N, C-alpha and C. Protein backbone atom coordinates (compact mmCIF):
# COMPACT_ATOMS: atom_id res chain seq x y z
N MET A 1 0.84 -1.18 0.00
CA MET A 1 0.00 0.00 0.00
C MET A 1 0.89 1.24 0.00
N LYS A 2 0.62 2.11 -0.91
CA LYS A 2 1.34 3.39 -0.97
C LYS A 2 0.30 4.47 -1.26
N PRO A 3 -0.08 5.25 -0.25
CA PRO A 3 -1.12 6.24 -0.46
C PRO A 3 -0.64 7.40 -1.34
N PRO A 4 -1.60 8.10 -1.93
CA PRO A 4 -1.21 9.29 -2.69
C PRO A 4 -0.68 10.36 -1.74
N GLU A 5 0.15 11.23 -2.25
CA GLU A 5 0.70 12.31 -1.42
C GLU A 5 -0.31 13.43 -1.21
N ILE A 6 -1.41 13.41 -1.98
CA ILE A 6 -2.47 14.41 -1.82
C ILE A 6 -3.82 13.73 -2.00
N ILE A 7 -4.74 13.99 -1.08
CA ILE A 7 -6.14 13.57 -1.20
C ILE A 7 -6.97 14.85 -1.04
N ARG A 8 -7.85 15.10 -1.99
CA ARG A 8 -8.70 16.29 -1.94
C ARG A 8 -10.12 15.92 -1.55
N THR A 9 -10.73 16.75 -0.74
CA THR A 9 -12.14 16.61 -0.38
C THR A 9 -12.81 17.93 -0.75
N PRO A 10 -14.12 18.05 -0.58
CA PRO A 10 -14.76 19.32 -0.93
C PRO A 10 -14.18 20.55 -0.22
N ARG A 11 -13.75 20.38 1.04
CA ARG A 11 -13.25 21.54 1.79
C ARG A 11 -11.80 21.46 2.22
N LEU A 12 -11.17 20.31 2.01
CA LEU A 12 -9.85 20.06 2.58
C LEU A 12 -8.85 19.55 1.55
N ILE A 13 -7.59 19.71 1.88
CA ILE A 13 -6.50 19.02 1.19
C ILE A 13 -5.73 18.27 2.26
N LEU A 14 -5.60 16.98 2.04
CA LEU A 14 -4.80 16.12 2.90
C LEU A 14 -3.52 15.84 2.13
N ARG A 15 -2.38 16.15 2.71
CA ARG A 15 -1.13 16.01 1.97
C ARG A 15 -0.01 15.51 2.86
N LYS A 16 0.99 14.95 2.20
CA LYS A 16 2.18 14.48 2.90
C LYS A 16 2.80 15.64 3.66
N PRO A 17 3.25 15.41 4.89
CA PRO A 17 3.86 16.49 5.68
C PRO A 17 5.17 16.98 5.05
N ARG A 18 5.50 18.21 5.40
CA ARG A 18 6.78 18.82 5.03
C ARG A 18 7.40 19.38 6.30
N MET A 19 8.70 19.53 6.30
CA MET A 19 9.37 20.08 7.49
C MET A 19 8.86 21.47 7.83
N ASP A 20 8.47 22.24 6.83
CA ASP A 20 7.99 23.60 7.12
C ASP A 20 6.58 23.61 7.72
N ASP A 21 5.98 22.43 7.92
CA ASP A 21 4.69 22.34 8.63
C ASP A 21 4.85 22.42 10.14
N ALA A 22 6.04 22.17 10.65
CA ALA A 22 6.24 22.07 12.09
C ALA A 22 5.73 23.28 12.87
N PRO A 23 6.00 24.53 12.46
CA PRO A 23 5.49 25.65 13.25
C PRO A 23 3.96 25.67 13.35
N ALA A 24 3.27 25.41 12.24
CA ALA A 24 1.80 25.41 12.27
C ALA A 24 1.27 24.24 13.11
N ILE A 25 1.90 23.09 13.02
CA ILE A 25 1.49 21.94 13.82
C ILE A 25 1.65 22.27 15.30
N PHE A 26 2.80 22.81 15.66
CA PHE A 26 3.04 23.15 17.06
C PHE A 26 2.04 24.18 17.56
N THR A 27 1.88 25.26 16.80
CA THR A 27 1.03 26.37 17.23
C THR A 27 -0.45 25.99 17.26
N SER A 28 -0.92 25.27 16.24
CA SER A 28 -2.36 25.03 16.14
C SER A 28 -2.86 23.90 17.03
N TYR A 29 -2.03 22.88 17.29
CA TYR A 29 -2.57 21.80 18.14
C TYR A 29 -1.57 21.01 18.96
N ALA A 30 -0.34 20.85 18.55
CA ALA A 30 0.56 19.91 19.24
C ALA A 30 0.90 20.32 20.66
N GLN A 31 0.82 21.60 20.97
CA GLN A 31 1.14 22.06 22.33
C GLN A 31 -0.11 22.27 23.18
N ASP A 32 -1.29 22.01 22.62
CA ASP A 32 -2.56 22.30 23.31
C ASP A 32 -3.00 21.10 24.15
N PRO A 33 -3.01 21.22 25.48
CA PRO A 33 -3.38 20.09 26.33
C PRO A 33 -4.83 19.64 26.14
N GLU A 34 -5.71 20.52 25.72
CA GLU A 34 -7.10 20.12 25.48
C GLU A 34 -7.20 19.26 24.22
N VAL A 35 -6.46 19.63 23.19
CA VAL A 35 -6.46 18.84 21.94
C VAL A 35 -5.83 17.47 22.18
N THR A 36 -4.76 17.43 22.94
CA THR A 36 -4.03 16.17 23.13
C THR A 36 -4.55 15.34 24.30
N ARG A 37 -5.65 15.76 24.90
CA ARG A 37 -6.20 15.08 26.07
C ARG A 37 -6.38 13.58 25.83
N TYR A 38 -6.97 13.19 24.72
CA TYR A 38 -7.24 11.78 24.44
C TYR A 38 -6.28 11.17 23.42
N ILE A 39 -5.14 11.81 23.25
CA ILE A 39 -4.11 11.30 22.34
C ILE A 39 -3.12 10.49 23.16
N THR A 40 -2.38 9.61 22.50
CA THR A 40 -1.44 8.75 23.22
C THR A 40 -0.10 9.43 23.49
N TRP A 41 0.03 10.69 23.09
CA TRP A 41 1.26 11.44 23.37
C TRP A 41 0.92 12.72 24.12
N GLN A 42 1.93 13.23 24.81
CA GLN A 42 1.75 14.45 25.59
C GLN A 42 1.95 15.68 24.71
N PRO A 43 1.40 16.83 25.14
CA PRO A 43 1.62 18.05 24.37
C PRO A 43 3.11 18.32 24.18
N HIS A 44 3.45 18.85 23.02
CA HIS A 44 4.85 19.18 22.75
C HIS A 44 5.25 20.39 23.59
N ASN A 45 6.48 20.35 24.09
CA ASN A 45 6.99 21.44 24.92
C ASN A 45 7.58 22.59 24.11
N ASN A 46 8.02 22.28 22.88
CA ASN A 46 8.66 23.31 22.05
C ASN A 46 8.63 22.89 20.59
N ILE A 47 8.96 23.82 19.73
CA ILE A 47 8.93 23.58 18.29
C ILE A 47 9.94 22.51 17.87
N GLU A 48 11.04 22.39 18.58
CA GLU A 48 12.03 21.36 18.23
C GLU A 48 11.45 19.97 18.38
N GLU A 49 10.65 19.76 19.39
CA GLU A 49 10.00 18.46 19.57
C GLU A 49 9.08 18.17 18.37
N THR A 50 8.35 19.17 17.93
CA THR A 50 7.47 19.01 16.77
C THR A 50 8.28 18.72 15.52
N ARG A 51 9.39 19.40 15.35
CA ARG A 51 10.25 19.14 14.18
C ARG A 51 10.74 17.69 14.17
N ARG A 52 11.12 17.18 15.34
CA ARG A 52 11.58 15.78 15.42
C ARG A 52 10.45 14.82 15.02
N ILE A 53 9.23 15.14 15.43
CA ILE A 53 8.09 14.28 15.10
C ILE A 53 7.81 14.32 13.59
N VAL A 54 7.88 15.50 12.99
CA VAL A 54 7.67 15.59 11.54
C VAL A 54 8.77 14.81 10.81
N GLU A 55 10.00 14.91 11.28
CA GLU A 55 11.09 14.11 10.69
C GLU A 55 10.77 12.62 10.76
N LEU A 56 10.28 12.18 11.92
CA LEU A 56 9.92 10.78 12.09
C LEU A 56 8.79 10.38 11.14
N MET A 57 7.78 11.24 11.01
CA MET A 57 6.68 10.95 10.09
C MET A 57 7.20 10.73 8.67
N LEU A 58 8.12 11.57 8.23
CA LEU A 58 8.68 11.45 6.88
C LEU A 58 9.49 10.17 6.73
N LYS A 59 10.21 9.79 7.78
CA LYS A 59 10.97 8.54 7.74
C LYS A 59 10.02 7.34 7.67
N LEU A 60 8.96 7.37 8.48
CA LEU A 60 7.99 6.27 8.46
C LEU A 60 7.29 6.17 7.12
N TRP A 61 7.02 7.32 6.50
CA TRP A 61 6.40 7.33 5.16
C TRP A 61 7.32 6.62 4.17
N GLU A 62 8.60 6.98 4.22
CA GLU A 62 9.56 6.40 3.27
C GLU A 62 9.76 4.91 3.47
N ASP A 63 9.74 4.45 4.73
CA ASP A 63 9.94 3.01 4.93
C ASP A 63 8.63 2.22 4.89
N GLY A 64 7.50 2.91 4.71
CA GLY A 64 6.22 2.24 4.52
C GLY A 64 5.54 1.73 5.77
N SER A 65 6.00 2.16 6.94
CA SER A 65 5.38 1.64 8.16
C SER A 65 4.21 2.49 8.66
N ALA A 66 4.14 3.75 8.24
CA ALA A 66 3.01 4.62 8.60
C ALA A 66 2.98 5.79 7.63
N TYR A 67 1.77 6.27 7.38
CA TYR A 67 1.58 7.38 6.45
C TYR A 67 0.72 8.44 7.12
N SER A 68 1.33 9.58 7.42
CA SER A 68 0.60 10.70 8.00
C SER A 68 0.30 11.72 6.91
N LEU A 69 -0.88 12.30 6.99
CA LEU A 69 -1.28 13.35 6.07
C LEU A 69 -1.66 14.59 6.87
N VAL A 70 -1.09 15.72 6.51
CA VAL A 70 -1.46 17.00 7.11
C VAL A 70 -2.84 17.37 6.58
N VAL A 71 -3.70 17.84 7.47
CA VAL A 71 -5.02 18.32 7.08
C VAL A 71 -4.94 19.84 6.96
N THR A 72 -5.30 20.35 5.77
CA THR A 72 -5.34 21.80 5.55
C THR A 72 -6.69 22.18 4.95
N LEU A 73 -7.09 23.41 5.17
CA LEU A 73 -8.26 23.94 4.49
C LEU A 73 -7.89 24.15 3.03
N LYS A 74 -8.86 24.00 2.13
CA LYS A 74 -8.58 24.08 0.70
C LYS A 74 -7.94 25.40 0.28
N ASP A 75 -8.34 26.49 0.92
CA ASP A 75 -7.83 27.80 0.53
C ASP A 75 -6.63 28.26 1.35
N MET A 76 -6.14 27.41 2.25
CA MET A 76 -4.97 27.75 3.07
C MET A 76 -4.06 26.53 3.14
N ASP A 77 -2.77 26.74 3.09
CA ASP A 77 -1.83 25.62 3.11
C ASP A 77 -1.20 25.45 4.49
N SER A 78 -1.96 25.73 5.54
CA SER A 78 -1.45 25.65 6.90
C SER A 78 -2.11 24.48 7.63
N ALA A 79 -1.31 23.71 8.35
CA ALA A 79 -1.81 22.52 9.05
C ALA A 79 -2.83 22.89 10.12
N ILE A 80 -3.99 22.25 10.05
CA ILE A 80 -5.00 22.37 11.11
C ILE A 80 -5.19 21.04 11.81
N GLY A 81 -4.56 20.00 11.30
CA GLY A 81 -4.69 18.68 11.90
C GLY A 81 -3.85 17.67 11.15
N MET A 82 -4.04 16.42 11.51
CA MET A 82 -3.27 15.33 10.93
C MET A 82 -4.14 14.08 10.97
N ILE A 83 -4.00 13.25 9.94
CA ILE A 83 -4.62 11.93 9.95
C ILE A 83 -3.56 10.93 9.52
N ALA A 84 -3.46 9.82 10.23
CA ALA A 84 -2.40 8.84 9.97
C ALA A 84 -2.99 7.48 9.66
N MET A 85 -2.29 6.75 8.81
CA MET A 85 -2.64 5.38 8.46
C MET A 85 -1.50 4.47 8.89
N HIS A 86 -1.85 3.41 9.62
CA HIS A 86 -0.86 2.44 10.11
C HIS A 86 -1.21 1.08 9.53
N PRO A 87 -0.61 0.72 8.38
CA PRO A 87 -0.95 -0.55 7.74
C PRO A 87 -0.37 -1.75 8.49
N ASP A 88 -1.13 -2.84 8.45
CA ASP A 88 -0.69 -4.10 9.03
C ASP A 88 -1.31 -5.21 8.18
N GLY A 89 -0.64 -5.51 7.07
CA GLY A 89 -1.16 -6.53 6.17
C GLY A 89 -2.45 -6.08 5.52
N PHE A 90 -3.52 -6.86 5.74
CA PHE A 90 -4.82 -6.58 5.11
C PHE A 90 -5.64 -5.54 5.86
N LYS A 91 -5.12 -5.02 6.96
CA LYS A 91 -5.89 -4.05 7.75
C LYS A 91 -5.06 -2.79 7.99
N VAL A 92 -5.77 -1.68 8.23
CA VAL A 92 -5.11 -0.40 8.48
C VAL A 92 -5.83 0.29 9.62
N GLU A 93 -5.03 0.74 10.61
CA GLU A 93 -5.58 1.55 11.69
C GLU A 93 -5.38 3.02 11.33
N ILE A 94 -6.40 3.84 11.58
CA ILE A 94 -6.24 5.27 11.38
C ILE A 94 -6.31 5.98 12.73
N GLY A 95 -5.66 7.12 12.78
CA GLY A 95 -5.70 7.98 13.95
C GLY A 95 -5.68 9.42 13.47
N TYR A 96 -6.17 10.33 14.29
CA TYR A 96 -6.30 11.71 13.83
C TYR A 96 -6.28 12.68 14.99
N VAL A 97 -6.00 13.93 14.64
CA VAL A 97 -5.99 15.04 15.61
C VAL A 97 -6.36 16.30 14.84
N LEU A 98 -7.08 17.19 15.51
CA LEU A 98 -7.53 18.43 14.87
C LEU A 98 -7.41 19.59 15.85
N ALA A 99 -6.92 20.72 15.35
CA ALA A 99 -6.79 21.92 16.17
C ALA A 99 -8.15 22.32 16.74
N ARG A 100 -8.16 22.74 17.99
CA ARG A 100 -9.39 23.11 18.69
C ARG A 100 -10.18 24.18 17.95
N ALA A 101 -9.49 25.13 17.31
CA ALA A 101 -10.18 26.21 16.59
C ALA A 101 -11.05 25.69 15.45
N HIS A 102 -10.86 24.42 15.07
CA HIS A 102 -11.59 23.85 13.94
C HIS A 102 -12.55 22.73 14.34
N TRP A 103 -12.71 22.53 15.64
CA TRP A 103 -13.65 21.51 16.11
C TRP A 103 -15.09 21.89 15.76
N GLY A 104 -15.91 20.87 15.59
CA GLY A 104 -17.35 21.08 15.42
C GLY A 104 -17.77 21.50 14.03
N ARG A 105 -16.89 21.42 13.05
CA ARG A 105 -17.22 21.84 11.69
C ARG A 105 -17.25 20.68 10.70
N GLY A 106 -16.99 19.47 11.21
CA GLY A 106 -17.03 18.29 10.34
C GLY A 106 -15.77 18.05 9.53
N TYR A 107 -14.72 18.81 9.79
CA TYR A 107 -13.49 18.65 9.00
C TYR A 107 -12.87 17.27 9.18
N MET A 108 -12.78 16.80 10.43
CA MET A 108 -12.13 15.51 10.62
C MET A 108 -13.00 14.38 10.11
N SER A 109 -14.30 14.50 10.21
CA SER A 109 -15.18 13.48 9.63
C SER A 109 -14.97 13.41 8.11
N GLU A 110 -14.85 14.57 7.48
CA GLU A 110 -14.61 14.63 6.03
C GLU A 110 -13.26 13.99 5.68
N ALA A 111 -12.23 14.29 6.45
CA ALA A 111 -10.91 13.71 6.21
C ALA A 111 -10.91 12.20 6.44
N ALA A 112 -11.52 11.77 7.54
CA ALA A 112 -11.55 10.34 7.86
C ALA A 112 -12.33 9.55 6.81
N LEU A 113 -13.43 10.11 6.32
CA LEU A 113 -14.20 9.44 5.28
C LEU A 113 -13.38 9.32 4.00
N ALA A 114 -12.69 10.38 3.63
CA ALA A 114 -11.87 10.33 2.41
C ALA A 114 -10.77 9.29 2.52
N VAL A 115 -10.08 9.25 3.65
CA VAL A 115 -9.00 8.29 3.84
C VAL A 115 -9.56 6.87 3.89
N THR A 116 -10.64 6.67 4.61
CA THR A 116 -11.26 5.35 4.70
C THR A 116 -11.71 4.86 3.33
N ASN A 117 -12.35 5.73 2.56
CA ASN A 117 -12.79 5.35 1.22
C ASN A 117 -11.60 4.97 0.33
N TRP A 118 -10.52 5.77 0.40
CA TRP A 118 -9.35 5.45 -0.41
C TRP A 118 -8.79 4.08 0.01
N LEU A 119 -8.69 3.86 1.31
CA LEU A 119 -8.14 2.59 1.79
C LEU A 119 -8.97 1.40 1.30
N LEU A 120 -10.29 1.53 1.38
CA LEU A 120 -11.15 0.41 0.98
C LEU A 120 -11.15 0.17 -0.53
N GLU A 121 -10.68 1.15 -1.30
CA GLU A 121 -10.52 0.95 -2.75
C GLU A 121 -9.29 0.11 -3.07
N GLN A 122 -8.40 -0.04 -2.12
CA GLN A 122 -7.17 -0.80 -2.35
C GLN A 122 -7.48 -2.29 -2.22
N PRO A 123 -7.14 -3.08 -3.24
CA PRO A 123 -7.50 -4.50 -3.24
C PRO A 123 -7.00 -5.27 -2.02
N GLU A 124 -5.83 -4.91 -1.52
CA GLU A 124 -5.25 -5.67 -0.42
C GLU A 124 -5.82 -5.30 0.95
N ILE A 125 -6.56 -4.21 1.05
CA ILE A 125 -7.09 -3.76 2.33
C ILE A 125 -8.51 -4.28 2.52
N GLN A 126 -8.73 -5.02 3.61
CA GLN A 126 -10.03 -5.59 3.91
C GLN A 126 -10.70 -4.94 5.11
N ARG A 127 -9.93 -4.24 5.92
CA ARG A 127 -10.45 -3.71 7.18
C ARG A 127 -9.76 -2.39 7.50
N VAL A 128 -10.55 -1.38 7.87
CA VAL A 128 -10.05 -0.11 8.37
C VAL A 128 -10.65 0.07 9.76
N PHE A 129 -9.81 0.40 10.73
CA PHE A 129 -10.32 0.51 12.09
C PHE A 129 -9.66 1.65 12.84
N ALA A 130 -10.26 2.01 13.95
CA ALA A 130 -9.73 3.06 14.83
C ALA A 130 -10.28 2.84 16.22
N THR A 131 -9.63 3.43 17.19
CA THR A 131 -10.10 3.35 18.57
C THR A 131 -10.22 4.75 19.15
N CYS A 132 -11.01 4.85 20.21
CA CYS A 132 -11.09 6.11 20.94
C CYS A 132 -11.38 5.82 22.40
N ASP A 133 -10.95 6.73 23.25
CA ASP A 133 -11.24 6.64 24.67
C ASP A 133 -12.75 6.63 24.87
N VAL A 134 -13.21 5.88 25.86
CA VAL A 134 -14.65 5.78 26.10
C VAL A 134 -15.28 7.11 26.49
N GLU A 135 -14.47 8.06 26.91
CA GLU A 135 -14.99 9.38 27.28
C GLU A 135 -14.79 10.42 26.18
N ASN A 136 -14.57 9.96 24.95
CA ASN A 136 -14.35 10.87 23.83
C ASN A 136 -15.42 10.68 22.75
N PRO A 137 -16.65 11.14 23.02
CA PRO A 137 -17.72 10.93 22.05
C PRO A 137 -17.51 11.65 20.72
N ALA A 138 -16.77 12.75 20.71
CA ALA A 138 -16.52 13.46 19.45
C ALA A 138 -15.73 12.57 18.49
N SER A 139 -14.73 11.86 19.00
CA SER A 139 -13.96 10.96 18.16
C SER A 139 -14.81 9.79 17.69
N ALA A 140 -15.67 9.28 18.55
CA ALA A 140 -16.58 8.19 18.16
C ALA A 140 -17.47 8.64 17.00
N ARG A 141 -17.95 9.88 17.05
CA ARG A 141 -18.80 10.39 15.96
C ARG A 141 -18.02 10.48 14.65
N VAL A 142 -16.75 10.87 14.72
CA VAL A 142 -15.92 10.92 13.51
C VAL A 142 -15.87 9.54 12.86
N MET A 143 -15.62 8.52 13.65
CA MET A 143 -15.53 7.16 13.12
C MET A 143 -16.86 6.71 12.52
N GLU A 144 -17.96 7.03 13.19
CA GLU A 144 -19.28 6.67 12.68
C GLU A 144 -19.56 7.37 11.35
N LYS A 145 -19.20 8.64 11.25
CA LYS A 145 -19.42 9.39 10.01
C LYS A 145 -18.53 8.88 8.88
N ALA A 146 -17.43 8.22 9.23
CA ALA A 146 -16.56 7.61 8.23
C ALA A 146 -17.05 6.22 7.84
N GLY A 147 -18.19 5.81 8.37
CA GLY A 147 -18.80 4.53 8.01
C GLY A 147 -18.44 3.38 8.92
N MET A 148 -17.71 3.64 9.97
CA MET A 148 -17.32 2.56 10.88
C MET A 148 -18.42 2.28 11.88
N VAL A 149 -18.43 1.06 12.37
CA VAL A 149 -19.38 0.67 13.42
C VAL A 149 -18.59 0.22 14.65
N ARG A 150 -19.18 0.48 15.80
CA ARG A 150 -18.53 0.07 17.05
C ARG A 150 -18.59 -1.44 17.16
N GLU A 151 -17.43 -2.04 17.34
CA GLU A 151 -17.35 -3.49 17.47
C GLU A 151 -17.28 -3.94 18.92
N GLY A 152 -16.81 -3.06 19.78
CA GLY A 152 -16.73 -3.48 21.16
C GLY A 152 -15.89 -2.56 22.02
N LEU A 153 -15.63 -3.04 23.22
CA LEU A 153 -14.87 -2.33 24.22
C LEU A 153 -13.53 -3.04 24.44
N LEU A 154 -12.44 -2.29 24.38
CA LEU A 154 -11.12 -2.83 24.66
C LEU A 154 -10.72 -2.33 26.04
N ARG A 155 -10.71 -3.22 27.00
CA ARG A 155 -10.44 -2.82 28.39
C ARG A 155 -8.96 -2.53 28.59
N LYS A 156 -8.71 -1.40 29.26
CA LYS A 156 -7.34 -0.96 29.57
C LYS A 156 -6.44 -1.08 28.33
N TYR A 157 -6.90 -0.47 27.23
CA TYR A 157 -6.25 -0.64 25.93
C TYR A 157 -5.24 0.45 25.59
N SER A 158 -5.53 1.69 25.94
CA SER A 158 -4.67 2.81 25.53
C SER A 158 -4.25 3.65 26.71
N PHE A 159 -3.07 4.19 26.57
CA PHE A 159 -2.56 5.11 27.58
C PHE A 159 -2.75 6.53 27.06
N HIS A 160 -3.53 7.32 27.76
CA HIS A 160 -3.77 8.71 27.40
C HIS A 160 -3.26 9.59 28.54
N PRO A 161 -1.99 10.02 28.44
CA PRO A 161 -1.38 10.75 29.55
C PRO A 161 -2.09 12.06 29.90
N GLY A 162 -2.89 12.60 29.00
CA GLY A 162 -3.63 13.82 29.30
C GLY A 162 -4.82 13.57 30.21
N VAL A 163 -5.17 12.30 30.42
CA VAL A 163 -6.32 11.94 31.25
C VAL A 163 -5.90 11.21 32.50
N SER A 164 -4.98 10.24 32.35
CA SER A 164 -4.65 9.37 33.47
C SER A 164 -3.28 8.75 33.27
N GLU A 165 -2.68 8.34 34.38
CA GLU A 165 -1.42 7.61 34.31
C GLU A 165 -1.65 6.11 34.16
N GLU A 166 -2.90 5.70 34.17
CA GLU A 166 -3.27 4.29 34.02
C GLU A 166 -3.82 4.04 32.62
N PRO A 167 -3.69 2.81 32.10
CA PRO A 167 -4.31 2.49 30.82
C PRO A 167 -5.82 2.71 30.88
N ARG A 168 -6.39 3.11 29.76
CA ARG A 168 -7.80 3.49 29.68
C ARG A 168 -8.57 2.54 28.77
N ASP A 169 -9.86 2.41 29.04
CA ASP A 169 -10.74 1.64 28.16
C ASP A 169 -10.96 2.42 26.87
N SER A 170 -11.07 1.68 25.77
CA SER A 170 -11.30 2.29 24.46
C SER A 170 -12.39 1.53 23.73
N TYR A 171 -13.11 2.25 22.89
CA TYR A 171 -14.02 1.62 21.93
C TYR A 171 -13.24 1.35 20.66
N ILE A 172 -13.57 0.24 20.01
CA ILE A 172 -12.98 -0.05 18.70
C ILE A 172 -14.10 0.02 17.66
N TYR A 173 -13.79 0.73 16.59
CA TYR A 173 -14.69 0.90 15.46
C TYR A 173 -14.00 0.36 14.22
N ALA A 174 -14.79 -0.17 13.28
CA ALA A 174 -14.20 -0.67 12.04
C ALA A 174 -15.22 -0.66 10.92
N ILE A 175 -14.67 -0.70 9.72
CA ILE A 175 -15.45 -0.94 8.52
C ILE A 175 -14.68 -1.99 7.72
N VAL A 176 -15.41 -2.93 7.13
CA VAL A 176 -14.78 -4.00 6.38
C VAL A 176 -15.43 -4.09 5.00
N LYS A 177 -14.72 -4.73 4.07
CA LYS A 177 -15.28 -4.97 2.73
C LYS A 177 -16.32 -6.07 2.80
């Protein structure tokens, strides 16, 4: 599986990250504790940390182990979020994050639907799935709008340092061919 470097939706452009995205990523969401509350990583402390993460994303893209796409508004080339694909044979897990200033407008649902649809068009992909903390209904709605259905509860599945120092229960959602 090798995703396109650009996916267009009616309101968004999803594109491969660039090093010059780091300032917008840091400013718009990576340092925001509210945005990162249900993410598996802690808010970034400085722009250098964000630059290292963008470097890692580009390395993972090149070696084929994960593909992150920057989410931008169609008329602006500045990162407002990110959506990632983690392939594992016939299945792919997606994960996403969106700047707080853009919550509640359906942008991440639009991005997740576009990525999910592209993935399911690939002959080798049979399953697309994602998880969310049980206390994160906004993320659950994104998955539902992308066509996924809740399959169950994963007990003590994810560590969300913005919420707790203990593993947290998560819902798992998926769509299959």
